[in-house]
Amino acid sequence: MTNSSGFTHEIRRRTLLAGAGSAALMALAGSANAQDSVSGELVVLNWLGGSELDMMHQIQNAFTAKYPKVTIREVAITGQGDMRGGIRTALMGGEVVDVLYNTWPAFRKELLDAGMLRPIDDQWKSFGWDRLISQSWKDLGAIAGRTYGLTYTFGNRSGIWYKKEHLAKAGITEPPRSWDEFVASFAKLTKAGFAAPVAIPGKYWAHAEWFETLLLRTAGVETASKLGAHEISWTDPAVKNALTKYAEMLTAGCCGAPNSMLANDWDGEADQIFQANSKNFLLIGMWMNNRAKNDYKLTEGKDYGLFQFPALGMGHDDTSSVDTKELLVTANGPNPKAADAFLDFWTSAEAANILAKNGYASPSSNTDTSLYGETQKVATSAVASSKLQFVLGDLLPGDLVDEYRVQLQKFLQDPSDANIDSVLAAIETKAQGSY
């Protein structure tokens, strides 16, 4: 797909002019010449869909408005579940792209090991990204001391989405703050006529979200980090303890029949809450905000809200699971100049504020944070005040993450103590050959 625009936007400069008059005109002319020199076709590999894809196209159109000599050809990867397989197929099949969107640190390493990525440390200096994006975000995009990923959005994955009228109908005056209050809400919501208080999307990957935050809240970020690197085994007591907490939720009547949980991905379960009004709580990433606003036409803060994962009181309630989405540039892309300009544009106020208006947070200091709604403010506050850990599934090798998710599906069907041991043993067996 090609996006182009004839609109002309004011050039945004990164440094203050040293003088006025002719010096200013010369600086503007130099910037214009640099902008004019960026041209040709930019090939972008994109696997995102729905309203998030619409937001991507807004930013791509704004980019081509600023760089009218550039056209964008989008290589669209479609599918369900984890999209890494589709991306691999496209790249191994000979598709050559300049830029790709990524959300998996383990996949970035896989692409680097295959010789497909170009480092961007020089771009951090020449474009001045270090004045806009903190060192911690740069470090998250680095491998072995070199930077490859430019984070363009981040999300709180330990926040629970809900529809406000549901709690009111059940006589719940505010979202539960503790684990005991959360579990106690199941009976109230069921009595109010809802089919299942918690929506568990068990079809592909999203059922793992509960385990991953429970691991943080029961054992802390250090344990989760060690598990992701296989420095402790999956049969470690700390891992079993987290899965036992998950079982406690299931046996308390949170989620309905296993076949119902295994039938839907996250978007189908979101529909059950926000359209069908049959379920109540969904633990999922910040893209839910975009879907609620744009697909369901709900008002943020009035119709729906977000609350942080309830406290367990086990010494680790100051933890959150987070994800990021980043831009990667390829080593063989035919238009590296346009690719670099494209990455730079995502740090601009124009792009950052498109993200903010669509319910996403940007790490760029160019963001007008007054554009954030209630749920995004809850999420960014939680991230700012928490010890953070990347989504565990995004850190695992591709063959291991598949086994991990399949075994957690088996756990959903039988959350008994004996089956927990069996599930964790199976994941450990796979892990031993995956690193």
Protein backbone atom coordinates (compact mmCIF):
# COMPACT_ATOMS: atom_id res chain seq x y z
CA MET A 1 0.00 0.00 0.00
CA THR A 2 1.31 3.47 -0.85
CA ASN A 3 0.61 6.47 1.34
CA SER A 4 1.36 9.93 0.05
CA SER A 5 0.26 13.47 0.73
CA GLY A 6 0.73 16.89 -0.80
CA PHE A 7 0.50 18.79 2.47
CA THR A 8 3.50 20.83 3.60
CA HIS A 9 4.32 20.95 7.30
CA GLU A 10 6.53 23.36 9.17
CA ILE A 11 10.07 22.04 9.61
CA ARG A 12 10.80 21.19 13.25
CA ARG A 13 14.41 21.93 14.20
CA ARG A 14 16.22 20.16 17.05
CA THR A 15 18.74 22.88 17.90
CA LEU A 16 18.34 26.56 18.73
CA LEU A 17 19.51 28.97 16.05
CA ALA A 18 22.78 30.60 17.05
CA GLY A 19 21.87 33.88 15.43
CA ALA A 20 19.15 35.67 13.51
CA GLY A 21 18.61 37.15 10.06
CA SER A 22 20.67 35.49 7.34
CA ALA A 23 21.95 32.82 9.71
CA ALA A 24 18.38 31.74 10.40
CA LEU A 25 17.56 31.66 6.70
CA MET A 26 20.66 29.58 6.00
CA ALA A 27 19.70 27.12 8.75
CA LEU A 28 16.19 26.79 7.36
CA ALA A 29 17.51 26.30 3.86
CA GLY A 30 19.86 23.58 5.12
CA SER A 31 17.01 21.80 6.87
CA ALA A 32 14.86 22.05 3.77
CA ASN A 33 17.65 20.62 1.62
CA ALA A 34 18.11 17.73 4.04
CA GLN A 35 14.38 17.08 3.93
CA ASP A 36 14.32 17.22 0.14
CA SER A 37 17.18 14.72 -0.06
CA VAL A 38 15.00 12.05 1.59
CA SER A 39 13.12 10.44 -1.27
CA GLY A 40 12.12 7.19 -2.92
CA GLU A 41 10.15 4.19 -1.76
CA LEU A 42 10.21 3.22 1.91
CA VAL A 43 9.17 -0.38 2.54
CA VAL A 44 7.59 -0.99 5.95
CA LEU A 45 6.68 -4.43 7.30
CA ASN A 46 3.57 -4.17 9.47
CA TRP A 47 1.69 -6.93 11.31
CA LEU A 48 -0.66 -4.71 13.31
CA GLY A 49 -4.36 -4.48 12.53
CA GLY A 50 -7.68 -2.86 13.38
CA SER A 51 -7.79 0.60 14.91
CA GLU A 52 -4.09 0.36 15.78
CA LEU A 53 -3.32 -0.01 12.08
CA ASP A 54 -5.49 3.05 11.38
CA MET A 55 -3.37 4.99 13.86
CA MET A 56 -0.21 3.75 12.13
CA HIS A 57 -1.53 5.04 8.84
CA GLN A 58 -2.20 8.46 10.40
CA ILE A 59 1.46 8.67 11.37
CA GLN A 60 2.68 7.34 8.02
CA ASN A 61 0.55 9.93 6.20
CA ALA A 62 1.93 12.68 8.43
CA PHE A 63 5.45 11.48 7.61
CA THR A 64 4.89 11.56 3.85
CA ALA A 65 3.32 15.00 4.21
CA LYS A 66 6.60 16.18 5.72
CA TYR A 67 8.66 14.20 3.21
CA PRO A 68 6.62 14.47 0.00
CA LYS A 69 9.31 12.79 -2.10
CA VAL A 70 8.89 9.57 -0.11
CA THR A 71 6.21 6.97 -0.78
CA ILE A 72 5.50 4.14 1.63
CA ARG A 73 4.90 0.59 0.52
CA GLU A 74 3.50 -1.48 3.33
CA VAL A 75 4.12 -5.21 3.51
CA ALA A 76 1.16 -6.41 5.57
CA ILE A 77 1.53 -9.61 7.58
CA THR A 78 -1.84 -11.03 8.57
CA GLY A 79 -2.74 -13.89 10.88
CA GLN A 80 -3.81 -14.71 14.40
CA GLY A 81 -1.88 -15.16 17.60
CA ASP A 82 1.88 -14.59 17.78
CA MET A 83 2.91 -12.93 14.52
CA ARG A 84 6.60 -13.83 14.59
CA GLY A 85 6.00 -16.84 12.36
CA GLY A 86 4.44 -14.71 9.63
CA ILE A 87 7.26 -12.20 9.78
CA ARG A 88 9.85 -14.97 9.51
CA THR A 89 8.04 -16.44 6.52
CA ALA A 90 8.02 -13.08 4.71
CA LEU A 91 11.69 -12.33 5.35
CA MET A 92 12.89 -15.86 4.61
CA GLY A 93 10.78 -15.80 1.44
CA GLY A 94 12.86 -12.94 0.10
CA GLU A 95 10.82 -9.88 1.09
CA VAL A 96 13.22 -6.94 1.51
CA VAL A 97 12.05 -4.14 3.79
CA ASP A 98 13.57 -0.99 5.26
CA VAL A 99 11.69 -0.85 8.57
CA LEU A 100 9.70 -3.29 10.66
CA TYR A 101 7.63 -3.00 13.79
CA ASN A 102 8.61 -5.31 16.65
CA THR A 103 7.41 -6.03 20.18
CA TRP A 104 9.52 -9.08 21.13
CA PRO A 105 13.04 -8.56 22.57
CA ALA A 106 13.81 -12.23 21.86
CA PHE A 107 12.80 -11.77 18.22
CA ARG A 108 15.05 -8.71 17.89
CA LYS A 109 17.95 -10.92 19.00
CA GLU A 110 16.89 -13.60 16.53
CA LEU A 111 16.88 -11.09 13.66
CA LEU A 112 20.25 -9.73 14.73
CA ASP A 113 21.77 -13.21 14.89
CA ALA A 114 20.52 -13.73 11.33
CA GLY A 115 22.39 -10.59 10.19
CA MET A 116 19.18 -8.72 9.34
CA LEU A 117 19.45 -5.61 11.56
CA ARG A 118 21.38 -2.35 11.31
CA PRO A 119 22.46 -0.60 14.55
CA ILE A 120 21.18 2.93 15.17
CA ASP A 121 23.69 4.37 17.68
CA ASP A 122 24.91 6.92 15.14
CA GLN A 123 21.32 8.02 14.56
CA TRP A 124 20.81 8.56 18.30
CA LYS A 125 23.64 11.09 18.13
CA SER A 126 22.93 12.75 14.78
CA PHE A 127 19.19 13.15 15.32
CA GLY A 128 19.53 14.07 18.99
CA TRP A 129 17.19 11.37 20.27
CA ASP A 130 19.04 11.38 23.58
CA ARG A 131 17.50 14.80 24.29
CA LEU A 132 14.00 13.39 23.80
CA ILE A 133 14.13 9.79 25.02
CA SER A 134 15.69 8.63 28.27
CA GLN A 135 18.70 6.35 28.49
CA SER A 136 16.57 3.62 30.05
CA TRP A 137 14.46 3.36 26.88
CA LYS A 138 17.61 3.30 24.77
CA ASP A 139 19.00 0.49 26.91
CA LEU A 140 15.83 -1.56 26.35
CA GLY A 141 16.51 -1.47 22.60
CA ALA A 142 20.13 -2.55 22.94
CA ILE A 143 21.90 -5.88 22.53
CA ALA A 144 25.49 -6.37 23.71
CA GLY A 145 26.09 -2.63 24.00
CA ARG A 146 24.72 -1.63 20.57
CA THR A 147 21.30 -0.10 19.98
CA TYR A 148 18.91 -1.59 17.43
CA GLY A 149 15.39 -0.74 18.55
CA LEU A 150 13.75 2.67 18.88
CA THR A 151 10.82 2.38 21.29
CA TYR A 152 7.83 4.37 20.04
CA THR A 153 5.24 3.30 22.62
CA PHE A 154 5.12 1.45 25.91
CA GLY A 155 2.34 -0.14 27.86
CA ASN A 156 1.35 -1.28 31.30
CA ARG A 157 0.49 -4.99 31.12
CA SER A 158 -0.58 -5.24 34.77
CA GLY A 159 -3.71 -3.14 34.38
CA ILE A 160 -7.23 -4.60 34.36
CA TRP A 161 -9.89 -3.10 32.07
CA TYR A 162 -13.55 -2.94 33.08
CA LYS A 163 -16.84 -1.31 32.19
CA LYS A 164 -17.95 1.04 34.94
CA GLU A 165 -21.66 0.28 34.76
CA HIS A 166 -20.94 -3.41 35.46
CA LEU A 167 -19.45 -2.68 38.87
CA ALA A 168 -22.29 -0.33 39.70
CA LYS A 169 -24.85 -3.00 38.78
CA ALA A 170 -23.12 -5.45 41.15
CA GLY A 171 -23.03 -2.90 43.99
CA ILE A 172 -19.24 -2.55 43.82
CA THR A 173 -18.40 1.09 44.52
CA GLU A 174 -14.76 1.03 43.34
CA PRO A 175 -12.39 -1.41 41.66
CA PRO A 176 -10.87 -4.00 44.04
CA ARG A 177 -7.52 -3.00 45.51
CA SER A 178 -6.52 -6.26 47.20
CA TRP A 179 -6.49 -9.85 45.97
CA ASP A 180 -9.11 -10.83 48.54
CA GLU A 181 -11.41 -8.02 47.38
CA PHE A 182 -10.85 -9.06 43.78
CA VAL A 183 -11.73 -12.72 44.40
CA ALA A 184 -14.74 -11.65 46.52
CA SER A 185 -16.07 -9.60 43.60
CA PHE A 186 -16.67 -12.74 41.52
CA ALA A 187 -19.73 -13.79 43.51
CA LYS A 188 -21.20 -10.27 43.43
CA LEU A 189 -20.78 -10.00 39.66
CA THR A 190 -22.18 -13.46 39.04
CA LYS A 191 -25.19 -12.68 41.25
CA ALA A 192 -25.72 -9.51 39.18
CA GLY A 193 -26.22 -11.69 36.11
CA PHE A 194 -22.86 -11.68 34.37
CA ALA A 195 -21.73 -14.93 32.78
CA ALA A 196 -18.12 -14.76 33.99
CA PRO A 197 -16.40 -12.03 36.02
CA VAL A 198 -12.99 -12.48 34.35
CA ALA A 199 -12.43 -12.78 30.62
CA ILE A 200 -9.56 -15.20 29.96
CA PRO A 201 -8.53 -15.20 26.27
CA GLY A 202 -7.03 -18.70 26.10
CA LYS A 203 -6.95 -19.32 22.34
CA TYR A 204 -3.38 -18.24 21.64
CA TRP A 205 -1.31 -16.32 24.16
CA ALA A 206 -3.27 -13.83 26.31
CA HIS A 207 -4.10 -16.38 29.03
CA ALA A 208 -0.45 -16.10 30.08
CA GLU A 209 -0.93 -12.47 31.17
CA TRP A 210 -2.36 -13.50 34.54
CA PHE A 211 0.46 -15.89 35.33
CA GLU A 212 3.11 -13.34 34.40
CA THR A 213 1.84 -10.57 36.67
CA LEU A 214 1.16 -13.09 39.44
CA LEU A 215 4.79 -14.22 39.14
CA LEU A 216 5.89 -10.62 39.65
CA ARG A 217 3.54 -10.04 42.58
CA THR A 218 4.47 -13.27 44.36
CA ALA A 219 8.21 -13.46 43.61
CA GLY A 220 9.40 -10.10 42.22
CA VAL A 221 11.12 -8.90 39.08
CA GLU A 222 14.41 -10.64 39.86
CA THR A 223 12.74 -14.06 39.83
CA ALA A 224 10.85 -13.29 36.62
CA SER A 225 14.05 -12.10 34.96
CA LYS A 226 15.90 -15.24 36.01
CA LEU A 227 13.10 -17.43 34.70
CA GLY A 228 13.14 -15.63 31.35
CA ALA A 229 16.87 -16.29 31.06
CA HIS A 230 16.45 -19.87 32.37
CA GLU A 231 18.69 -19.12 35.35
CA ILE A 232 16.08 -20.87 37.46
CA SER A 233 13.96 -23.80 36.34
CA TRP A 234 10.27 -23.80 35.57
CA THR A 235 9.82 -26.31 38.39
CA ASP A 236 11.17 -23.81 40.93
CA PRO A 237 8.82 -23.37 43.94
CA ALA A 238 8.44 -19.64 43.15
CA VAL A 239 7.03 -20.46 39.72
CA LYS A 240 4.65 -23.04 41.15
CA ASN A 241 3.48 -20.56 43.77
CA ALA A 242 2.45 -18.09 41.05
CA LEU A 243 0.55 -20.73 39.12
CA THR A 244 -1.13 -21.85 42.34
CA LYS A 245 -2.41 -18.30 42.83
CA TYR A 246 -3.78 -18.43 39.29
CA ALA A 247 -5.52 -21.70 40.21
CA GLU A 248 -7.02 -20.01 43.27
CA MET A 249 -8.71 -17.53 40.97
CA LEU A 250 -10.02 -20.27 38.68
CA THR A 251 -11.42 -22.40 41.48
CA ALA A 252 -13.15 -19.33 42.96
CA GLY A 253 -15.39 -19.18 39.89
CA CYS A 254 -13.73 -16.38 37.96
CA CYS A 255 -13.93 -17.50 34.42
CA GLY A 256 -16.52 -19.99 33.29
CA ALA A 257 -15.90 -23.26 31.47
CA PRO A 258 -12.44 -24.05 30.02
CA ASN A 259 -13.84 -24.50 26.50
CA SER A 260 -15.14 -20.92 26.68
CA MET A 261 -11.73 -19.62 27.74
CA LEU A 262 -9.99 -21.51 24.93
CA ALA A 263 -12.43 -20.30 22.27
CA ASN A 264 -11.43 -16.63 22.05
CA ASP A 265 -8.44 -14.38 21.56
CA TRP A 266 -8.23 -11.08 23.45
CA ASP A 267 -10.40 -9.13 21.02
CA GLY A 268 -13.27 -11.61 21.23
CA GLU A 269 -13.13 -11.48 25.02
CA ALA A 270 -13.06 -7.68 24.90
CA ASP A 271 -16.26 -7.87 22.84
CA GLN A 272 -17.82 -10.00 25.58
CA ILE A 273 -17.20 -7.22 28.09
CA PHE A 274 -17.72 -4.02 26.16
CA GLN A 275 -20.36 -5.08 23.63
CA ALA A 276 -22.15 -8.19 24.92
CA ASN A 277 -22.01 -7.09 28.59
CA SER A 278 -21.51 -10.70 29.68
CA LYS A 279 -18.06 -10.49 31.32
CA ASN A 280 -16.31 -7.90 33.45
CA PHE A 281 -12.52 -7.84 33.82
CA LEU A 282 -9.79 -8.13 31.16
CA LEU A 283 -6.05 -8.10 31.83
CA ILE A 284 -4.49 -6.95 28.56
CA GLY A 285 -2.20 -4.29 27.12
CA MET A 286 -2.83 -0.63 26.36
CA TRP A 287 -4.03 -1.29 22.83
CA MET A 288 -7.35 -2.02 24.52
CA ASN A 289 -7.70 1.72 25.06
CA ASN A 290 -7.55 2.36 21.34
CA ARG A 291 -10.12 -0.36 20.67
CA ALA A 292 -12.51 0.94 23.33
CA LYS A 293 -12.34 4.49 22.00
CA ASN A 294 -12.37 3.83 18.27
CA ASP A 295 -14.09 0.47 17.75
CA TYR A 296 -16.64 0.53 20.57
CA LYS A 297 -17.05 4.34 20.58
CA LEU A 298 -16.88 4.44 24.38
CA THR A 299 -15.83 7.44 26.43
CA GLU A 300 -12.60 6.91 28.35
CA GLY A 301 -13.03 7.47 32.08
CA LYS A 302 -16.83 7.61 31.82
CA ASP A 303 -17.82 4.31 30.23
CA TYR A 304 -14.72 2.26 31.01
CA GLY A 305 -11.68 2.36 33.23
CA LEU A 306 -8.42 0.69 34.18
CA PHE A 307 -7.18 -0.32 37.61
CA GLN A 308 -3.82 -1.70 38.60
CA PHE A 309 -3.50 -5.39 39.44
CA PRO A 310 -4.76 -5.95 43.01
CA ALA A 311 -2.24 -6.11 45.83
CA LEU A 312 -1.29 -9.53 47.18
CA GLY A 313 0.61 -8.29 50.22
CA MET A 314 3.59 -10.56 49.55
CA GLY A 315 6.21 -7.81 49.35
CA HIS A 316 6.14 -7.29 45.57
CA ASP A 317 3.08 -5.15 44.94
CA ASP A 318 5.30 -2.38 43.49
CA THR A 319 5.89 -4.41 40.31
CA SER A 320 4.40 -4.22 36.83
CA SER A 321 4.71 -6.13 33.61
CA VAL A 322 5.39 -3.84 30.66
CA ASP A 323 5.68 -4.13 26.93
CA THR A 324 7.08 -1.88 24.26
CA LYS A 325 6.74 -1.56 20.55
CA GLU A 326 9.81 -0.53 18.64
CA LEU A 327 11.05 0.29 15.16
CA LEU A 328 13.90 -1.73 13.67
CA VAL A 329 15.86 -0.91 10.51
CA THR A 330 17.22 -3.68 8.34
CA ALA A 331 20.78 -4.22 7.18
CA ASN A 332 19.75 -4.78 3.56
CA GLY A 333 16.99 -2.16 3.21
CA PRO A 334 17.40 -0.22 -0.05
CA ASN A 335 16.47 3.19 1.43
CA PRO A 336 18.34 3.67 4.74
CA LYS A 337 18.11 7.46 4.58
CA ALA A 338 14.30 7.38 4.45
CA ALA A 339 14.26 4.67 7.12
CA ASP A 340 16.30 6.86 9.48
CA ALA A 341 14.04 9.85 8.82
CA PHE A 342 11.00 7.66 9.48
CA LEU A 343 12.36 6.63 12.89
CA ASP A 344 13.18 10.24 13.70
CA PHE A 345 9.63 11.30 12.83
CA TRP A 346 8.22 8.97 15.50
CA THR A 347 10.02 11.02 18.17
CA SER A 348 8.41 14.26 16.95
CA ALA A 349 5.57 16.08 18.68
CA GLU A 350 3.34 15.40 15.68
CA ALA A 351 3.73 11.62 15.87
CA ALA A 352 3.81 11.44 19.68
CA ASN A 353 0.57 13.38 19.92
CA ILE A 354 -1.16 11.20 17.34
CA LEU A 355 -0.23 8.29 19.61
CA ALA A 356 -1.54 10.13 22.68
CA LYS A 357 -4.86 11.02 21.02
CA ASN A 358 -5.33 7.35 20.15
CA GLY A 359 -4.70 6.18 23.71
CA TYR A 360 -1.01 5.25 23.49
CA ALA A 361 1.94 6.54 25.52
CA SER A 362 5.14 7.68 23.83
CA PRO A 363 8.55 7.81 25.54
CA SER A 364 9.34 11.05 23.66
CA SER A 365 9.44 14.20 25.78
CA ASN A 366 7.75 15.94 22.84
CA THR A 367 4.46 14.33 23.95
CA ASP A 368 1.72 16.64 25.18
CA THR A 369 0.70 14.54 28.19
CA SER A 370 -2.44 16.64 28.68
CA LEU A 371 -3.83 14.60 25.78
CA TYR A 372 -3.77 11.45 27.92
CA GLY A 373 -7.13 10.26 29.18
CA GLU A 374 -7.95 8.70 32.55
CA THR A 375 -6.81 5.17 31.75
CA GLN A 376 -3.53 6.25 30.18
CA LYS A 377 -2.81 8.40 33.23
CA VAL A 378 -3.43 5.38 35.47
CA ALA A 379 -1.12 3.28 33.32
CA THR A 380 1.74 5.77 33.02
CA SER A 381 1.59 6.49 36.74
CA ALA A 382 1.82 2.78 37.51
CA VAL A 383 4.78 2.34 35.18
CA ALA A 384 6.55 5.36 36.68
CA SER A 385 6.14 4.07 40.25
CA SER A 386 6.84 0.36 39.69
CA LYS A 387 9.72 -2.03 39.38
CA LEU A 388 9.33 -3.14 35.79
CA GLN A 389 9.72 -6.43 33.97
CA PHE A 390 9.24 -7.13 30.29
CA VAL A 391 6.38 -9.43 29.33
CA LEU A 392 7.81 -12.89 29.97
CA GLY A 393 6.44 -14.43 26.78
CA ASP A 394 8.23 -11.76 24.70
CA LEU A 395 11.57 -12.75 26.27
CA LEU A 396 11.35 -16.49 25.61
CA PRO A 397 12.80 -18.25 22.54
CA GLY A 398 10.19 -18.95 19.88
CA ASP A 399 9.98 -22.73 20.35
CA LEU A 400 9.78 -22.40 24.13
CA VAL A 401 7.09 -19.72 24.12
CA ASP A 402 4.84 -21.98 22.06
CA GLU A 403 5.21 -24.83 24.57
CA TYR A 404 4.72 -22.43 27.47
CA ARG A 405 1.40 -21.23 26.10
CA VAL A 406 0.15 -24.72 25.21
CA GLN A 407 0.94 -25.98 28.69
CA LEU A 408 -0.89 -23.04 30.27
CA GLN A 409 -3.91 -23.99 28.15
CA LYS A 410 -3.71 -27.45 29.73
CA PHE A 411 -3.53 -25.79 33.13
CA LEU A 412 -6.76 -23.88 32.42
CA GLN A 413 -8.49 -27.20 31.79
CA ASP A 414 -7.21 -28.69 35.03
CA PRO A 415 -5.79 -26.29 37.67
CA SER A 416 -5.13 -29.10 40.18
CA ASP A 417 -1.89 -29.22 42.11
CA ALA A 418 -0.83 -32.42 40.35
CA ASN A 419 -1.44 -30.92 36.92
CA ILE A 420 0.47 -27.78 37.85
CA ASP A 421 3.50 -30.02 38.50
CA SER A 422 2.97 -31.76 35.16
CA VAL A 423 2.60 -28.49 33.24
CA LEU A 424 5.72 -26.92 34.73
CA ALA A 425 7.75 -30.09 34.17
CA ALA A 426 6.78 -30.08 30.49
CA ILE A 427 7.80 -26.44 30.06
CA GLU A 428 11.10 -27.14 31.83
CA THR A 429 11.83 -30.08 29.52
CA LYS A 430 11.36 -27.82 26.51
CA ALA A 431 13.42 -25.04 28.08
CA GLN A 432 16.41 -27.29 28.55
CA GLY A 433 16.81 -27.53 24.79
CA SER A 434 15.88 -23.97 23.89
CA TYR A 435 18.77 -21.85 25.13
